[in-house]
Protein backbone atom coordinates (compact mmCIF):
# COMPACT_ATOMS: atom_id res chain seq x y z
CA MET A 1 -9.20 0.75 18.04
CA LYS A 2 -7.61 3.72 17.05
CA LYS A 3 -8.87 5.97 14.44
CA GLU A 4 -6.15 7.60 13.10
CA LEU A 5 -3.06 5.60 11.21
CA THR A 6 0.28 7.62 11.44
CA THR A 7 2.69 6.87 8.53
CA GLU A 8 4.84 4.60 11.08
CA ASP A 9 1.92 2.54 12.32
CA LEU A 10 0.95 1.42 8.77
CA LYS A 11 4.55 0.61 8.26
CA LEU A 12 4.71 -1.95 10.91
CA LEU A 13 0.98 -3.26 10.32
CA LEU A 14 2.46 -3.56 6.38
CA ALA A 15 5.94 -4.66 6.94
CA GLY A 16 6.79 -8.61 5.57
CA THR A 17 3.32 -9.27 4.00
CA HIS A 18 2.89 -10.12 0.01
CA ILE A 19 0.00 -7.43 -1.22
CA LYS A 20 -1.17 -7.97 -4.52
CA LEU A 21 -2.44 -4.39 -5.89
CA ASP A 22 -5.05 -3.57 -8.43
CA CYS A 23 -2.79 -2.90 -10.92
CA GLY A 24 -1.73 -6.67 -11.12
CA HIS A 25 1.78 -6.53 -8.96
CA GLN A 26 3.17 -7.42 -5.76
CA ALA A 27 4.81 -5.41 -3.35
CA THR A 28 6.13 -6.32 -0.50
CA PRO A 29 6.69 -2.88 2.12
CA GLY A 30 9.86 -2.78 3.56
CA HIS A 31 11.97 -5.43 1.92
CA ASN A 32 14.75 -3.87 -0.06
CA PHE A 33 13.77 -4.15 -3.85
CA ALA A 34 9.87 -4.09 -2.99
CA ASN A 35 7.50 -1.93 -5.08
CA THR A 36 6.35 1.90 -4.64
CA ILE A 37 2.88 1.41 -3.44
CA ILE A 38 0.11 3.95 -4.48
CA ILE A 39 -2.80 4.05 -2.67
CA VAL A 40 -5.80 6.58 -3.89
CA SER A 41 -8.68 7.10 -1.65
CA LEU A 42 -12.30 7.30 -3.93
CA GLY A 43 -14.50 8.11 -1.29
CA GLY A 44 -16.91 6.56 0.25
CA GLY A 45 -14.34 3.78 1.94
CA LYS A 46 -13.62 2.63 -1.67
CA ILE A 47 -9.25 2.52 -2.53
CA GLU A 48 -7.94 1.46 -5.13
CA THR A 49 -3.85 0.49 -5.24
CA SER A 50 -1.46 0.59 -7.78
CA CYS A 51 2.84 0.67 -7.96
CA ALA A 52 5.03 3.08 -9.20
CA GLU A 53 5.30 1.66 -12.61
CA CYS A 54 1.70 1.53 -13.46
CA GLY A 55 0.57 4.57 -11.53
CA TYR A 56 2.10 7.93 -12.40
């Protein structure tokens, strides 16, 4: 397994998937009207996700 993902790798993995974010909104990467996904690393392997509407 690859230990480092590039942004391009992440785009390929997530494109077209429906993701329910921690803020409750959904995002579909690669869709023209997709929410912006914010991913925050909390340390210890934990992450938190939100959208641009809730995260700023």
